[in-house]
Amino acid sequence: MHYDHPIEEILRSWKRCNERGIVKRSSLPMLIQNNNQLQEVIKRYQFLIRAFEFSLQKIIKFLNGQQQYFFMVMDPDGVILSKFHMESLKEKLESTGLKVGASMAEESCGTNSIALAMRLMQPVGCLSENHFCSAFQFFSSYGLPLENSGRIIGYLNVNIVNDVISEEQIMLAELQRYQLLEEYQRLANISTKRNLNLKLSDQQINILKLLVRGFKEEMITKMLDLNLDSLRDQKMIIYKELGMEMVPQIWINNAKFKLMVSE
């Protein structure tokens, strides 16, 4: 199975790390949230954390006792929100400093798959030898952006204690991303309906979110796999439920509305 291994970008990342003065054998990571910051971040991304933990259930069953994998989910800035590993990896991972609240950004951890995925906005594979800091050079990593309604809500990281990235690792990552985003969307839609007391379907909630964020009809039909007539029928139902004639009124008449549907 093919994956993107951007060697030129990896080399540029190593150069930036040297220029920043990051020490290959330094205590990692360099950027860690304090308790107050961490509690705020966890509260803000609670749906993402819950969806990650939900997605792990089937992944763990699929692994059937395999010990070499570990998983992490990050916020859009690369801060670790939650992680999972088998007990056999506990000691090794503690030596890396990878814990909830630590940043995977390049300036914090040097070259890694999440820092590369954040920079390139696409899934990226990073072999063990590609990691700038030696503390990470016992595992190969696959990092994926998590996108919902046209925006990045975080990053998923699937790692294996190996020198190479396996087809199974990529398959697991793609499967987990799919399950995570499905659960995240379900949780977000429940919250939106509760906040606004709306009697709308999940599809109508998704349309509403895209409309509020300024997406045009043509783009929405592609993103949600709808034909134009169906989209316009759904819009009429949404407007009727909201008691408004068109989306611009949402922006003018309800300043909190955009925040409520932003999950």
Protein backbone atom coordinates (compact mmCIF):
# COMPACT_ATOMS: atom_id res chain seq x y z
CA MET A 1 0.00 0.00 0.00
CA HIS A 2 1.42 3.37 -1.03
CA TYR A 3 2.06 6.17 1.45
CA ASP A 4 3.67 9.59 1.17
CA HIS A 5 7.27 9.63 2.40
CA PRO A 6 8.39 13.19 1.51
CA ILE A 7 12.16 12.79 1.79
CA GLU A 8 12.90 16.34 0.56
CA GLU A 9 10.59 17.84 3.18
CA ILE A 10 12.15 15.58 5.82
CA LEU A 11 15.60 16.89 4.90
CA ARG A 12 14.33 20.49 5.08
CA SER A 13 12.84 19.69 8.48
CA TRP A 14 16.18 18.36 9.73
CA LYS A 15 17.81 21.57 8.52
CA ARG A 16 15.27 23.68 10.42
CA CYS A 17 15.84 21.60 13.54
CA ASN A 18 19.59 22.24 13.34
CA GLU A 19 18.99 25.94 12.79
CA ARG A 20 16.68 26.05 15.83
CA GLY A 21 19.36 24.42 17.92
CA ILE A 22 17.28 21.35 18.77
CA VAL A 23 19.56 18.76 20.33
CA LYS A 24 19.15 15.26 18.92
CA ARG A 25 19.51 13.70 22.37
CA SER A 26 17.62 16.39 24.25
CA SER A 27 14.94 15.64 26.83
CA LEU A 28 11.70 15.61 24.85
CA PRO A 29 9.40 17.28 24.15
CA MET A 30 10.40 20.90 24.59
CA LEU A 31 6.84 22.33 24.66
CA ILE A 32 4.36 21.04 27.27
CA GLN A 33 1.03 22.55 28.36
CA ASN A 34 0.74 23.57 32.01
CA ASN A 35 -2.18 22.18 34.03
CA ASN A 36 -4.52 25.09 33.37
CA GLN A 37 -3.76 25.12 29.64
CA LEU A 38 -4.17 21.35 29.43
CA GLN A 39 -7.57 21.35 31.15
CA GLU A 40 -8.78 24.04 28.76
CA VAL A 41 -7.55 22.11 25.72
CA ILE A 42 -9.09 18.82 26.92
CA LYS A 43 -12.43 20.53 27.53
CA ARG A 44 -12.37 22.16 24.11
CA TYR A 45 -11.59 18.92 22.28
CA GLN A 46 -13.62 16.53 24.42
CA PHE A 47 -15.54 15.19 21.40
CA LEU A 48 -12.29 14.43 19.59
CA ILE A 49 -10.92 12.60 22.63
CA ARG A 50 -14.12 10.59 23.06
CA ALA A 51 -14.18 9.72 19.35
CA PHE A 52 -10.53 8.60 19.51
CA GLU A 53 -11.23 6.35 22.48
CA PHE A 54 -14.31 4.95 20.72
CA SER A 55 -12.30 4.20 17.56
CA LEU A 56 -9.71 2.28 19.58
CA GLN A 57 -12.21 -0.36 20.63
CA LYS A 58 -12.38 -2.05 17.23
CA ILE A 59 -8.71 -1.42 16.48
CA ILE A 60 -7.64 -3.22 19.66
CA LYS A 61 -9.83 -6.20 18.76
CA PHE A 62 -8.30 -6.26 15.29
CA LEU A 63 -4.76 -6.27 16.72
CA ASN A 64 -5.60 -9.41 18.70
CA GLY A 65 -2.86 -8.94 21.28
CA GLN A 66 -0.13 -7.51 19.05
CA GLN A 67 2.19 -5.47 21.25
CA GLN A 68 4.15 -3.25 18.85
CA TYR A 69 1.58 -0.51 18.13
CA PHE A 70 0.76 2.70 19.94
CA PHE A 71 -1.74 5.44 19.06
CA MET A 72 -2.12 9.16 19.77
CA VAL A 73 -4.55 11.94 18.88
CA MET A 74 -3.53 15.61 18.73
CA ASP A 75 -5.36 18.94 18.56
CA PRO A 76 -4.85 21.19 15.48
CA ASP A 77 -1.68 22.62 17.07
CA GLY A 78 -0.17 19.19 17.62
CA VAL A 79 -0.78 18.93 21.38
CA ILE A 80 -1.32 15.32 22.50
CA LEU A 81 -4.89 14.91 23.79
CA SER A 82 -4.95 11.17 24.41
CA LYS A 83 -2.81 8.11 23.74
CA PHE A 84 -2.96 4.34 23.98
CA HIS A 85 -0.25 1.71 24.11
CA MET A 86 0.17 -1.87 25.23
CA GLU A 87 1.68 -2.36 28.69
CA SER A 88 4.85 -3.84 27.17
CA LEU A 89 5.69 -0.45 25.59
CA LYS A 90 5.19 1.63 28.75
CA GLU A 91 8.86 1.91 29.73
CA LYS A 92 10.04 2.72 26.21
CA LEU A 93 7.42 5.42 25.71
CA GLU A 94 8.10 7.03 29.07
CA SER A 95 11.69 7.61 27.91
CA THR A 96 10.39 9.69 24.97
CA GLY A 97 8.44 12.16 27.12
CA LEU A 98 5.37 11.65 24.92
CA LYS A 99 2.46 12.33 27.24
CA VAL A 100 -0.87 14.14 27.22
CA GLY A 101 -0.19 17.87 26.98
CA ALA A 102 3.10 17.53 25.11
CA SER A 103 3.43 19.16 21.69
CA MET A 104 4.41 17.21 18.58
CA ALA A 105 5.20 20.41 16.68
CA GLU A 106 8.57 20.48 14.96
CA GLU A 107 9.97 23.12 17.33
CA SER A 108 9.08 20.85 20.24
CA CYS A 109 9.97 17.35 19.03
CA GLY A 110 11.99 17.82 15.87
CA THR A 111 11.09 15.95 12.70
CA ASN A 112 8.15 13.56 13.13
CA SER A 113 5.10 12.47 11.14
CA ILE A 114 2.66 14.80 12.91
CA ALA A 115 4.87 17.87 12.43
CA LEU A 116 5.17 16.92 8.75
CA ALA A 117 1.42 16.29 8.39
CA MET A 118 0.74 19.68 9.98
CA ARG A 119 3.07 21.37 7.52
CA LEU A 120 1.93 19.49 4.39
CA MET A 121 -1.76 19.07 5.39
CA GLN A 122 -1.77 15.43 4.25
CA PRO A 123 -1.01 11.92 5.59
CA VAL A 124 2.71 11.40 6.01
CA GLY A 125 4.88 8.40 6.86
CA CYS A 126 8.07 8.85 8.87
CA LEU A 127 10.51 5.95 9.20
CA SER A 128 12.38 5.43 12.47
CA GLU A 129 15.57 6.84 10.95
CA ASN A 130 13.74 9.96 9.71
CA HIS A 131 13.04 11.22 13.24
CA PHE A 132 15.44 14.01 14.11
CA CYS A 133 15.60 13.17 17.80
CA SER A 134 17.13 9.84 18.75
CA ALA A 135 14.49 9.21 21.42
CA PHE A 136 12.01 8.53 18.60
CA GLN A 137 14.22 6.31 16.47
CA PHE A 138 12.82 3.02 17.72
CA PHE A 139 9.46 3.42 15.96
CA SER A 140 8.07 4.31 12.54
CA SER A 141 5.13 6.69 12.45
CA TYR A 142 2.14 7.48 10.26
CA GLY A 143 0.38 10.81 10.82
CA LEU A 144 -2.98 11.84 9.37
CA PRO A 145 -4.94 15.10 9.44
CA LEU A 146 -8.49 14.78 10.77
CA GLU A 147 -10.84 16.90 8.68
CA ASN A 148 -14.47 17.67 9.44
CA SER A 149 -16.69 19.98 7.38
CA GLY A 150 -13.70 21.38 5.50
CA ARG A 151 -11.48 22.18 8.49
CA ILE A 152 -8.72 20.39 10.39
CA ILE A 153 -9.93 19.37 13.85
CA GLY A 154 -6.79 17.46 14.85
CA TYR A 155 -4.32 14.74 13.89
CA LEU A 156 -4.17 10.98 14.33
CA ASN A 157 -0.87 9.18 14.88
CA VAL A 158 -0.42 5.41 14.44
CA ASN A 159 3.04 4.11 15.36
CA ILE A 160 4.80 0.76 15.21
CA VAL A 161 8.00 -0.38 16.88
CA ASN A 162 9.79 -1.14 13.64
CA ASP A 163 12.21 0.42 11.17
CA VAL A 164 9.64 0.48 8.37
CA ILE A 165 5.97 1.34 7.87
CA SER A 166 3.85 -1.72 7.16
CA GLU A 167 0.76 -2.03 4.99
CA GLU A 168 -1.13 -3.14 8.07
CA GLN A 169 -0.11 0.07 9.85
CA ILE A 170 -1.47 2.26 7.05
CA MET A 171 -4.67 0.20 6.87
CA LEU A 172 -5.15 0.53 10.63
CA ALA A 173 -4.58 4.27 10.46
CA GLU A 174 -7.11 4.79 7.66
CA LEU A 175 -9.66 2.54 9.38
CA GLN A 176 -9.25 4.33 12.69
CA ARG A 177 -9.49 7.74 11.05
CA TYR A 178 -12.78 6.73 9.39
CA GLN A 179 -14.26 5.38 12.63
CA LEU A 180 -13.03 8.35 14.64
CA LEU A 181 -14.54 10.92 12.28
CA GLU A 182 -17.85 9.05 12.10
CA GLU A 183 -18.12 9.09 15.89
CA TYR A 184 -16.95 12.69 16.13
CA GLN A 185 -19.64 13.77 13.68
CA ARG A 186 -22.28 11.88 15.64
CA LEU A 187 -21.25 13.55 18.91
CA ALA A 188 -21.04 16.99 17.31
CA ASN A 189 -24.49 16.66 15.75
CA ILE A 190 -26.04 15.62 19.07
CA SER A 191 -24.46 18.67 20.71
CA THR A 192 -25.64 21.04 17.98
CA LYS A 193 -29.21 19.77 18.17
CA ARG A 194 -29.18 20.11 21.96
CA ASN A 195 -27.68 23.62 21.92
CA LEU A 196 -30.10 24.95 19.32
CA ASN A 197 -33.08 22.70 20.07
CA LEU A 198 -33.33 21.80 16.39
CA LYS A 199 -35.43 19.06 14.79
CA LEU A 200 -33.05 18.38 11.93
CA SER A 201 -31.48 15.21 10.55
CA ASP A 202 -27.74 14.61 10.77
CA GLN A 203 -27.43 15.42 7.07
CA GLN A 204 -29.29 18.70 7.54
CA ILE A 205 -27.03 19.58 10.49
CA ASN A 206 -23.99 18.94 8.28
CA ILE A 207 -25.44 21.18 5.54
CA LEU A 208 -26.16 23.89 8.10
CA LYS A 209 -22.58 23.82 9.39
CA LEU A 210 -21.18 24.20 5.89
CA LEU A 211 -23.58 27.03 5.04
CA VAL A 212 -22.65 28.92 8.20
CA ARG A 213 -18.98 28.53 7.33
CA GLY A 214 -19.61 30.14 3.93
CA PHE A 215 -19.40 27.15 1.58
CA LYS A 216 -21.22 27.54 -1.75
CA GLU A 217 -23.83 25.10 -3.01
CA GLU A 218 -21.53 23.52 -5.60
CA MET A 219 -18.90 22.70 -2.98
CA ILE A 220 -21.47 21.36 -0.50
CA THR A 221 -22.93 18.99 -3.10
CA LYS A 222 -19.45 17.55 -3.67
CA MET A 223 -18.54 17.32 0.01
CA LEU A 224 -21.81 15.60 1.00
CA ASP A 225 -22.42 13.70 -2.26
CA LEU A 226 -25.77 15.40 -2.94
CA ASN A 227 -27.38 16.62 -6.14
CA LEU A 228 -28.27 20.31 -6.33
CA ASP A 229 -32.06 19.85 -6.18
CA SER A 230 -31.78 17.69 -3.07
CA LEU A 231 -29.49 20.22 -1.40
CA ARG A 232 -31.92 23.06 -2.08
CA ASP A 233 -34.82 21.02 -0.69
CA GLN A 234 -32.81 20.38 2.47
CA LYS A 235 -31.93 24.07 2.75
CA MET A 236 -35.61 25.02 2.68
CA ILE A 237 -36.30 22.61 5.56
CA ILE A 238 -33.36 24.05 7.51
CA TYR A 239 -34.48 27.65 7.01
CA LYS A 240 -38.03 26.78 8.06
CA GLU A 241 -36.77 25.11 11.25
CA LEU A 242 -34.62 28.14 12.04
CA GLY A 243 -37.41 30.57 11.22
CA MET A 244 -35.15 32.39 8.78
CA GLU A 245 -35.25 32.94 5.06
CA MET A 246 -31.54 32.62 4.31
CA VAL A 247 -28.17 31.93 5.94
CA PRO A 248 -26.92 35.56 6.09
CA GLN A 249 -29.66 36.21 8.64
CA ILE A 250 -27.99 33.64 10.89
CA TRP A 251 -24.86 35.78 10.99
CA ILE A 252 -26.81 39.02 11.58
CA ASN A 253 -29.48 37.84 14.02
CA ASN A 254 -27.59 35.34 16.19
CA ALA A 255 -24.00 36.18 17.11
CA LYS A 256 -23.56 32.93 19.07
CA PHE A 257 -24.86 30.72 16.29
CA LYS A 258 -21.57 30.20 14.48
CA LEU A 259 -19.86 29.18 17.71
CA MET A 260 -22.63 26.70 18.49
CA VAL A 261 -22.24 24.85 15.19
CA SER A 262 -18.45 25.04 15.01
CA GLU A 263 -17.75 21.62 16.56
